[in-house]
PDB file of N, CA and C in Angstrom:
ATOM      1  N   UNK A   1     -80.765 -47.069-322.169  1.00  0.00           N
ATOM      2  CA  UNK A   1     -80.936 -46.950-320.754  1.00  0.00           C
ATOM      3  C   UNK A   1     -79.601 -46.504-320.161  1.00  0.00           C
ATOM      4  N   UNK A   2     -79.661 -45.623-319.169  1.00  0.00           N
ATOM      5  CA  UNK A   2     -78.473 -45.125-318.489  1.00  0.00           C
ATOM      6  C   UNK A   2     -78.514 -45.534-317.023  1.00  0.00           C
ATOM      7  N   UNK A   3     -77.352 -45.824-316.476  1.00  0.00           N
ATOM      8  CA  UNK A   3     -77.241 -46.146-315.054  1.00  0.00           C
ATOM      9  C   UNK A   3     -76.699 -44.916-314.341  1.00  0.00           C
ATOM     10  N   UNK A   4     -77.431 -44.454-313.316  1.00  0.00           N
ATOM     11  CA  UNK A   4     -77.006 -43.323-312.494  1.00  0.00           C
ATOM     12  C   UNK A   4     -76.915 -43.823-311.062  1.00  0.00           C
ATOM     13  N   UNK A   5     -75.738 -43.724-310.477  1.00  0.00           N
ATOM     14  CA  UNK A   5     -75.555 -44.120-309.090  1.00  0.00           C
ATOM     15  C   UNK A   5     -75.687 -42.884-308.218  1.00  0.00           C
ATOM     16  N   UNK A   6     -76.689 -42.885-307.344  1.00  0.00           N
ATOM     17  CA  UNK A   6     -76.945 -41.749-306.468  1.00  0.00           C
ATOM     18  C   UNK A   6     -76.396 -42.016-305.073  1.00  0.00           C
ATOM     19  N   UNK A   7     -76.164 -40.958-304.330  1.00  0.00           N
ATOM     20  CA  UNK A   7     -75.731 -41.097-302.941  1.00  0.00           C
ATOM     21  C   UNK A   7     -74.231 -41.127-302.759  1.00  0.00           C
ATOM     22  N   UNK A   8     -73.478 -40.616-303.717  1.00  0.00           N
ATOM     23  CA  UNK A   8     -72.017 -40.565-303.588  1.00  0.00           C
ATOM     24  C   UNK A   8     -71.680 -39.418-302.643  1.00  0.00           C
ATOM     25  N   UNK A   9     -71.228 -39.750-301.447  1.00  0.00           N
ATOM     26  CA  UNK A   9     -70.968 -38.726-300.438  1.00  0.00           C
ATOM     27  C   UNK A   9     -69.521 -38.679-299.967  1.00  0.00           C
ATOM     28  N   UNK A  10     -68.700 -39.664-300.348  1.00  0.00           N
ATOM     29  CA  UNK A  10     -67.303 -39.678-299.917  1.00  0.00           C
ATOM     30  C   UNK A  10     -66.390 -39.988-301.091  1.00  0.00           C
ATOM     31  N   UNK A  11     -65.123 -39.682-300.916  1.00  0.00           N
ATOM     32  CA  UNK A  11     -64.124 -39.972-301.948  1.00  0.00           C
ATOM     33  C   UNK A  11     -64.036 -41.479-302.191  1.00  0.00           C
ATOM     34  N   UNK A  12     -64.163 -42.252-301.125  1.00  0.00           N
ATOM     35  CA  UNK A  12     -64.095 -43.710-301.242  1.00  0.00           C
ATOM     36  C   UNK A  12     -65.241 -44.257-302.090  1.00  0.00           C
ATOM     37  N   UNK A  13     -66.448 -43.752-301.853  1.00  0.00           N
ATOM     38  CA  UNK A  13     -67.598 -44.180-302.657  1.00  0.00           C
ATOM     39  C   UNK A  13     -67.401 -43.791-304.122  1.00  0.00           C
ATOM     40  N   UNK A  14     -66.861 -42.612-304.350  1.00  0.00           N
ATOM     41  CA  UNK A  14     -66.592 -42.147-305.704  1.00  0.00           C
ATOM     42  C   UNK A  14     -65.601 -43.077-306.405  1.00  0.00           C
ATOM     43  N   UNK A  15     -64.518 -43.419-305.720  1.00  0.00           N
ATOM     44  CA  UNK A  15     -63.494 -44.295-306.305  1.00  0.00           C
ATOM     45  C   UNK A  15     -64.054 -45.677-306.633  1.00  0.00           C
ATOM     46  N   UNK A  16     -64.834 -46.241-305.739  1.00  0.00           N
ATOM     47  CA  UNK A  16     -65.418 -47.562-305.972  1.00  0.00           C
ATOM     48  C   UNK A  16     -66.337 -47.537-307.189  1.00  0.00           C
ATOM     49  N   UNK A  17     -67.168 -46.506-307.272  1.00  0.00           N
ATOM     50  CA  UNK A  17     -68.091 -46.391-308.408  1.00  0.00           C
ATOM     51  C   UNK A  17     -67.325 -46.273-309.717  1.00  0.00           C
ATOM     52  N   UNK A  18     -66.250 -45.487-309.737  1.00  0.00           N
ATOM     53  CA  UNK A  18     -65.447 -45.343-310.957  1.00  0.00           C
ATOM     54  C   UNK A  18     -64.780 -46.667-311.326  1.00  0.00           C
ATOM     55  N   UNK A  19     -64.272 -47.391-310.325  1.00  0.00           N
ATOM     56  CA  UNK A  19     -63.652 -48.700-310.577  1.00  0.00           C
ATOM     57  C   UNK A  19     -64.660 -49.698-311.131  1.00  0.00           C
ATOM     58  N   UNK A  20     -65.913 -49.571-310.704  1.00  0.00           N
ATOM     59  CA  UNK A  20     -66.975 -50.454-311.199  1.00  0.00           C
ATOM     60  C   UNK A  20     -67.439 -50.060-312.596  1.00  0.00           C
ATOM     61  N   UNK A  21     -67.027 -48.886-313.049  1.00  0.00           N
ATOM     62  CA  UNK A  21     -67.388 -48.449-314.386  1.00  0.00           C
ATOM     63  C   UNK A  21     -68.745 -47.774-314.496  1.00  0.00           C
ATOM     64  N   UNK A  22     -69.271 -47.278-313.375  1.00  0.00           N
ATOM     65  CA  UNK A  22     -70.558 -46.578-313.412  1.00  0.00           C
ATOM     66  C   UNK A  22     -70.351 -45.255-314.146  1.00  0.00           C
ATOM     67  N   UNK A  23     -71.088 -45.018-315.234  1.00  0.00           N
ATOM     68  CA  UNK A  23     -70.829 -43.830-316.055  1.00  0.00           C
ATOM     69  C   UNK A  23     -71.359 -42.516-315.487  1.00  0.00           C
ATOM     70  N   UNK A  24     -72.424 -42.556-314.677  1.00  0.00           N
ATOM     71  CA  UNK A  24     -73.027 -41.331-314.169  1.00  0.00           C
ATOM     72  C   UNK A  24     -73.172 -41.420-312.663  1.00  0.00           C
ATOM     73  N   UNK A  25     -72.693 -40.391-311.967  1.00  0.00           N
ATOM     74  CA  UNK A  25     -72.725 -40.365-310.508  1.00  0.00           C
ATOM     75  C   UNK A  25     -73.417 -39.102-310.030  1.00  0.00           C
ATOM     76  N   UNK A  26     -74.073 -39.208-308.878  1.00  0.00           N
ATOM     77  CA  UNK A  26     -74.754 -38.056-308.300  1.00  0.00           C
ATOM     78  C   UNK A  26     -74.615 -38.127-306.792  1.00  0.00           C
ATOM     79  N   UNK A  27     -74.390 -36.988-306.157  1.00  0.00           N
ATOM     80  CA  UNK A  27     -74.321 -36.962-304.706  1.00  0.00           C
ATOM     81  C   UNK A  27     -73.579 -35.742-304.193  1.00  0.00           C
ATOM     82  N   UNK A  28     -73.561 -35.590-302.882  1.00  0.00           N
ATOM     83  CA  UNK A  28     -72.920 -34.438-302.247  1.00  0.00           C
ATOM     84  C   UNK A  28     -71.437 -34.341-302.582  1.00  0.00           C
ATOM     85  N   UNK A  29     -70.772 -35.480-302.781  1.00  0.00           N
ATOM     86  CA  UNK A  29     -69.345 -35.427-303.105  1.00  0.00           C
ATOM     87  C   UNK A  29     -69.111 -34.758-304.464  1.00  0.00           C
ATOM     88  N   UNK A  30     -70.021 -34.985-305.392  1.00  0.00           N
ATOM     89  CA  UNK A  30     -69.903 -34.417-306.733  1.00  0.00           C
ATOM     90  C   UNK A  30     -70.260 -32.931-306.718  1.00  0.00           C
ATOM     91  N   UNK A  31     -71.421 -32.605-306.179  1.00  0.00           N
ATOM     92  CA  UNK A  31     -71.870 -31.207-306.112  1.00  0.00           C
ATOM     93  C   UNK A  31     -72.972 -31.090-305.084  1.00  0.00           C
ATOM     94  N   UNK A  32     -72.794 -30.186-304.168  1.00  0.00           N
ATOM     95  CA  UNK A  32     -73.832 -29.945-303.155  1.00  0.00           C
ATOM     96  C   UNK A  32     -74.984 -29.157-303.798  1.00  0.00           C
ATOM     97  N   UNK A  33     -76.211 -29.366-303.311  1.00  0.00           N
ATOM     98  CA  UNK A  33     -77.356 -28.629-303.861  1.00  0.00           C
ATOM     99  C   UNK A  33     -77.170 -27.122-303.714  1.00  0.00           C
ATOM    100  N   UNK A  34     -77.656 -26.394-304.693  1.00  0.00           N
ATOM    101  CA  UNK A  34     -77.588 -24.936-304.635  1.00  0.00           C
ATOM    102  C   UNK A  34     -78.801 -24.347-305.365  1.00  0.00           C
ATOM    103  N   UNK A  35     -79.046 -23.078-305.104  1.00  0.00           N
ATOM    104  CA  UNK A  35     -80.182 -22.409-305.763  1.00  0.00           C
ATOM    105  C   UNK A  35     -79.878 -22.191-307.226  1.00  0.00           C
ATOM    106  N   UNK A  36     -80.929 -22.275-308.038  1.00  0.00           N
ATOM    107  CA  UNK A  36     -80.790 -22.010-309.464  1.00  0.00           C
ATOM    108  C   UNK A  36     -80.884 -20.531-309.746  1.00  0.00           C
TER     109      UNK A  36
END
């Protein structure tokens, strides 16, 4: 099972998630949606 934390939209949220040890992150801060 993998844990994916969604909704990372700010640098602060990103830092907290990394400090908590969340291995997979998703959100606008990481990459904004784009066409394939």
